[in-house]
Protein backbone atom coordinates (compact mmCIF):
# COMPACT_ATOMS: atom_id res chain seq x y z
CA MET A 1 66.60 8.11 86.22
CA PHE A 2 66.30 5.19 84.07
CA ALA A 3 69.72 3.84 84.89
CA ALA A 4 68.79 4.20 88.56
CA LEU A 5 65.55 2.37 88.07
CA GLY A 6 67.06 -0.43 86.15
CA GLN A 7 69.86 -0.94 88.75
CA ARG A 8 67.68 -0.74 91.74
CA LYS A 9 64.50 -2.38 90.17
CA SER A 10 62.29 -0.47 92.44
CA PHE A 11 60.61 2.91 91.92
CA ARG A 12 60.91 3.79 95.57
CA LYS A 13 64.70 3.07 95.86
CA ALA A 14 65.42 4.69 92.52
CA GLY A 15 63.49 7.84 93.79
CA ASP A 16 65.59 7.74 97.10
CA ASP A 17 68.83 7.67 95.02
CA LEU A 18 67.49 10.63 92.92
CA GLY A 19 66.19 12.58 95.83
CA VAL A 20 62.49 12.54 94.34
CA SER A 21 59.36 10.70 95.24
CA GLN A 22 58.33 7.28 94.05
CA SER A 23 55.44 9.06 92.26
CA ALA A 24 57.79 11.37 90.47
CA VAL A 25 59.90 8.48 89.16
CA SER A 26 56.73 6.73 87.78
CA GLN A 27 55.45 9.93 86.09
CA MET A 28 58.80 10.44 84.41
CA LEU A 29 58.99 6.91 83.28
CA ALA A 30 55.42 7.12 81.87
CA GLY A 31 56.19 10.45 80.04
CA TRP A 32 59.39 8.88 78.56
CA GLU A 33 57.76 5.69 77.42
CA THR A 34 55.03 7.94 75.55
CA LYS A 35 57.71 9.95 73.93
CA LEU A 36 59.58 6.70 72.67
CA GLY A 37 56.66 4.90 71.74
CA TYR A 38 57.82 1.80 73.72
CA LYS A 39 56.92 0.12 76.95
CA LEU A 40 60.20 -0.10 79.09
CA VAL A 41 59.01 -1.61 82.35
CA GLU A 42 56.47 -4.36 83.18
CA ARG A 43 54.72 -2.99 86.33
CA GLY A 44 52.86 -5.06 88.86
CA ARG A 45 52.18 -5.00 92.71
CA HIS A 46 55.13 -7.10 93.49
CA VAL A 47 56.72 -7.21 90.09
CA PHE A 48 59.41 -5.07 88.47
CA LYS A 49 60.78 -6.24 84.99
CA LEU A 50 62.37 -4.52 82.08
CA THR A 51 60.82 -5.23 78.81
CA PRO A 52 62.95 -6.24 75.90
CA GLU A 53 63.00 -2.76 74.75
CA GLY A 54 63.66 -1.51 78.29
CA LYS A 55 66.84 -3.89 78.55
CA VAL A 56 68.31 -2.48 75.27
CA TYR A 57 67.41 1.13 76.45
CA TRP A 58 69.07 0.49 79.98
CA GLU A 59 72.27 -1.05 78.37
CA TYR A 60 72.69 1.86 75.79
CA GLY A 61 71.92 4.27 78.69
CA GLN A 62 74.73 2.90 80.68
CA GLU A 63 77.13 3.49 77.69
CA ILE A 64 75.62 7.08 77.31
CA ASN A 65 76.19 7.83 80.93
CA GLN A 66 79.88 6.88 80.66
CA LEU A 67 80.36 8.92 77.65
CA ILE A 68 78.85 11.84 79.39
CA GLU A 69 81.35 11.30 82.11
CA GLN A 70 84.27 11.05 79.83
CA LEU A 71 83.00 14.21 77.99
CA ALA A 72 83.10 16.11 81.26
CA GLN A 73 86.52 14.84 82.02
CA GLN A 74 87.81 15.87 78.50
CA MET A 75 86.20 19.33 78.73
CA LYS A 76 88.08 19.78 81.97
CA VAL A 77 91.41 18.67 80.42
CA ALA A 78 90.59 21.02 77.44
CA ARG A 79 90.01 23.97 79.76
CA GLU A 80 93.30 23.23 81.70
CA THR A 81 95.23 22.77 78.54
CA ALA A 82 94.02 26.05 77.00
CA ALA A 83 94.80 27.89 80.21
CA THR A 84 98.46 26.74 80.04
CA THR A 85 99.05 26.65 76.23
CA PHE A 86 99.53 29.74 74.07
CA SER A 87 101.34 30.51 70.70
CA LEU A 88 104.21 32.93 70.45
CA MET A 89 106.01 34.32 67.46
CA ALA A 90 109.30 36.27 67.27
CA PRO A 91 111.93 37.13 64.75
CA PRO A 92 114.10 34.16 63.71
CA SER A 93 117.29 35.21 65.65
CA LEU A 94 115.36 35.91 68.82
CA VAL A 95 113.92 32.37 68.57
CA LEU A 96 117.41 31.00 67.87
CA TYR A 97 119.39 32.93 70.54
CA LEU A 98 117.29 33.84 73.44
CA MET A 99 114.02 31.69 73.42
CA PRO A 100 115.45 28.40 74.26
CA VAL A 101 117.21 29.78 77.37
CA TRP A 102 114.16 31.90 78.31
CA LEU A 103 111.72 29.01 77.69
CA LYS A 104 113.76 26.44 79.64
CA SER A 105 113.96 28.85 82.64
CA PHE A 106 110.31 29.67 82.41
CA GLN A 107 109.17 26.17 82.20
CA SER A 108 111.31 25.09 85.09
CA GLN A 109 109.06 27.41 87.13
CA PHE A 110 105.87 26.53 85.27
CA PRO A 111 106.11 22.90 84.12
CA ALA A 112 102.56 22.70 82.82
CA ALA A 113 103.10 25.62 80.33
CA CYS A 114 103.09 24.74 76.68
CA ILE A 115 104.51 27.42 74.48
CA GLN A 116 103.91 26.91 70.67
CA LEU A 117 106.88 28.74 69.34
CA ARG A 118 106.95 30.28 65.73
CA TYR A 119 109.14 32.62 63.91
CA GLY A 120 108.55 35.32 61.49
CA ARG A 121 109.27 38.83 60.45
CA THR A 122 107.89 41.79 62.48
CA GLU A 123 105.17 42.34 59.86
CA SER A 124 104.30 38.69 59.95
CA VAL A 125 103.69 38.95 63.79
CA TYR A 126 101.25 41.73 63.35
CA ALA A 127 99.37 40.00 60.55
CA ALA A 128 98.98 36.82 62.42
CA LEU A 129 97.51 38.86 65.46
CA LYS A 130 95.06 40.63 63.16
CA GLN A 131 93.86 37.37 61.64
CA PHE A 132 93.40 35.78 65.12
CA LYS A 133 95.97 33.10 64.48
CA LEU A 134 98.45 34.07 67.18
CA ASP A 135 98.24 34.65 70.96
CA LEU A 136 101.38 36.70 71.57
CA GLY A 137 104.15 38.26 69.59
CA LEU A 138 107.61 39.41 70.57
CA VAL A 139 108.95 42.34 68.55
CA LEU A 140 111.62 45.13 68.69
CA TYR A 141 110.50 48.74 68.14
CA PRO A 142 106.75 48.01 68.34
CA ASP A 143 104.50 50.01 66.12
CA THR A 144 101.13 51.32 66.70
CA HIS A 145 98.37 49.23 65.10
CA ALA A 146 94.59 49.55 65.54
CA GLY A 147 93.31 46.64 67.88
CA ILE A 148 96.87 45.67 69.06
CA LYS A 149 98.10 46.18 72.63
CA VAL A 150 101.82 46.66 73.27
CA GLU A 151 103.48 45.96 76.48
CA VAL A 152 107.39 46.90 76.65
CA VAL A 153 109.12 44.13 78.60
CA GLN A 154 112.70 45.02 78.04
CA THR A 155 115.11 47.74 76.84
CA SER A 156 118.70 47.13 75.83
CA ARG A 157 121.50 49.13 74.24
CA LEU A 158 121.74 49.38 70.42
CA VAL A 159 125.52 49.03 69.79
CA LEU A 160 127.53 49.60 66.68
CA VAL A 161 129.87 46.64 65.97
CA CYS A 162 132.76 45.89 63.49
CA SER A 163 135.53 43.52 62.85
CA PRO A 164 138.67 43.82 65.12
CA ARG A 165 140.42 44.63 61.75
CA HIS A 166 138.14 47.38 60.78
CA PRO A 167 139.72 50.90 60.93
CA LEU A 168 136.94 52.08 63.29
CA ALA A 169 138.02 49.27 65.88
CA ALA A 170 141.02 51.38 66.99
CA ARG A 171 139.10 54.61 67.39
CA SER A 172 137.33 55.91 70.46
CA ASN A 173 134.35 58.33 70.64
CA VAL A 174 133.50 58.30 66.99
CA ASN A 175 131.33 61.13 65.78
CA PRO A 176 128.26 59.59 63.81
CA ILE A 177 128.86 62.17 61.05
CA LYS A 178 132.30 60.47 60.40
CA LEU A 179 130.49 57.28 59.68
CA LYS A 180 129.60 58.69 56.31
CA GLY A 181 130.77 56.42 53.63
CA GLN A 182 131.08 53.32 55.86
CA ARG A 183 129.22 50.10 54.61
CA PHE A 184 126.45 48.94 56.96
CA VAL A 185 124.55 45.59 57.46
CA GLY A 186 121.05 45.70 58.40
CA TRP A 187 118.92 43.26 60.35
CA SER A 188 115.19 43.22 59.37
CA ALA A 189 114.01 43.35 62.93
CA ILE A 190 115.36 46.82 63.35
CA PRO A 191 113.86 49.69 61.41
CA PRO A 192 116.95 51.56 59.94
CA ARG A 193 115.97 55.27 60.36
CA ARG A 194 113.65 54.81 63.47
CA SER A 195 116.32 52.99 65.59
CA LEU A 196 118.85 55.73 65.09
CA LEU A 197 116.69 58.90 66.15
CA PRO A 198 119.17 59.94 68.74
CA LEU A 199 121.90 60.38 65.93
CA PRO A 200 122.26 63.54 63.87
CA VAL A 201 119.72 64.12 61.15
CA ALA A 202 122.30 64.49 58.54
CA PHE A 203 123.58 60.88 59.26
CA ARG A 204 119.99 59.40 59.44
CA GLN A 205 119.00 60.98 56.12
CA GLU A 206 121.97 59.22 54.32
CA PHE A 207 121.99 56.02 56.32
CA ALA A 208 121.16 53.04 54.04
CA PRO A 209 122.41 49.47 54.79
CA HIS A 210 124.21 47.77 51.84
CA TRP A 211 122.85 44.41 52.99
CA MET A 212 119.82 43.29 54.89
CA PHE A 213 119.25 40.05 56.50
CA ASP A 214 116.53 38.29 58.63
CA GLU A 215 119.05 36.47 60.77
CA VAL A 216 121.72 37.95 63.08
CA ASP A 217 124.36 35.26 62.23
CA MET A 218 124.32 36.41 58.62
CA VAL A 219 124.59 40.14 59.75
CA LYS A 220 127.70 39.12 61.97
CA ALA A 221 129.23 37.02 59.04
CA VAL A 222 129.04 39.90 56.57
CA VAL A 223 130.42 42.22 59.13
CA LEU A 224 133.50 40.06 59.40
CA VAL A 225 133.95 39.20 55.74
CA GLU A 226 133.05 42.62 54.13
CA GLN A 227 134.80 44.72 56.73
CA ALA A 228 131.42 46.42 57.38
CA CYS A 229 129.48 47.69 60.42
CA ALA A 230 126.15 46.92 61.92
CA PHE A 231 123.74 48.18 64.60
CA LEU A 232 122.72 45.29 66.68
CA PRO A 233 121.00 44.91 70.21
CA GLU A 234 123.84 44.18 72.91
CA PRO A 235 122.42 40.89 74.10
CA LEU A 236 122.79 39.44 70.73
CA VAL A 237 126.45 40.26 70.32
CA ARG A 238 127.43 39.91 74.01
CA SER A 239 129.43 36.67 73.61
CA GLU A 240 131.26 37.91 70.44
CA LEU A 241 132.22 41.07 72.17
CA ALA A 242 133.49 39.19 75.27
CA GLU A 243 135.56 36.98 73.05
CA LYS A 244 136.76 39.89 70.97
CA LYS A 245 135.44 38.44 67.69
CA LEU A 246 133.52 41.72 67.36
CA VAL A 247 134.38 45.19 68.52
CA GLU A 248 131.94 47.87 69.77
CA VAL A 249 132.46 51.17 68.10
CA THR A 250 131.83 53.91 70.80
CA LEU A 251 129.85 56.93 69.41
CA THR A 252 130.01 60.32 70.82
CA GLU A 253 126.25 60.41 70.61
CA ARG A 254 124.86 58.12 73.15
CA GLY A 255 121.44 56.83 74.03
CA LEU A 256 120.67 54.19 71.30
CA ILE A 257 118.03 51.96 73.02
CA VAL A 258 116.13 48.97 71.71
CA PRO A 259 112.56 48.41 73.10
CA TRP A 260 111.49 44.98 73.27
CA ALA A 261 107.78 44.34 73.57
CA ILE A 262 104.99 41.73 73.75
CA VAL A 263 102.15 42.59 71.46
CA TYR A 264 98.71 40.92 71.32
CA ALA A 265 95.21 41.64 70.11
CA GLN A 266 92.97 43.85 72.25
CA HIS A 267 90.27 40.94 72.38
CA GLN A 268 92.80 38.51 73.71
CA ARG A 269 92.10 37.12 77.11
CA LEU A 270 95.42 36.91 78.94
CA THR A 271 95.46 33.59 80.81
CA PRO A 272 97.49 33.37 84.05
CA THR A 273 100.27 31.51 82.14
CA MET A 274 100.55 34.22 79.55
CA THR A 275 100.60 36.93 82.25
CA ALA A 276 103.21 35.05 84.20
CA PHE A 277 105.33 34.73 80.93
CA ILE A 278 105.03 38.45 80.20
CA GLN A 279 106.26 39.23 83.78
CA PHE A 280 109.04 36.68 83.35
CA LEU A 281 110.34 38.53 80.30
CA LYS A 282 110.58 41.77 82.31
CA ARG A 283 113.48 40.39 84.15
CA PRO A 284 116.95 41.65 83.32
CA LEU A 285 118.19 40.02 79.97
CA ALA A 286 121.46 39.24 81.77
CA SER A 287 119.64 36.62 83.85
């Protein structure tokens, strides 16, 4: 009101700008002068003049109004940014192998999306969600946790791989029981016993990896150097199998499946960008 009054230098014109009566403007000004303890306007029949205090008040009022407009704009920007930004945590090898390709493809369709990508073990994903420090997590073989929602986005084959020089490489349809005595390399993202449920109990009970690593590259390296075997998701060894750097050992027992899931806290409000990302991950891995 005072900005309009100082600019128009007329109670009537200021009232017209504000959509109120001349009397209402006069009453608002009188009330404000009483609250401040200063006279802001010299009134007269044909005189309108800001007092020295009124001039200072009007100048600062202009700056305050500009700040309010800037605040509204920044709040809008913050809301839009929050709607397109989210944090995502996944095991290190998924971040290294798949996320760059996935994110590049996703952001070509959603240029405004900003994904804050972090990596950590599966247990770190659940801990961050429970501490409200993470929006979404990508895990294999999701567990049931109180307050955590699970949405499976992919399934892929779990394959047994070895070096082309390994004795198992030349065999076909190997019975899992015959794997007794072989040395295995484990990947921390895959729970050893749980991932092998379709295999015979006798094999699962004795199965224990000789080595365990957080990164798939280390698993592959040890498989080659130590003449060992490893159970890994097929998408993460697809290129090595195609180039015959690794060989898949075909088991008589089929049906080893890896579930990939997005996990998030039940209180989490999924933004349209998050929902679009989850739907994007449901596309076939080959694409």
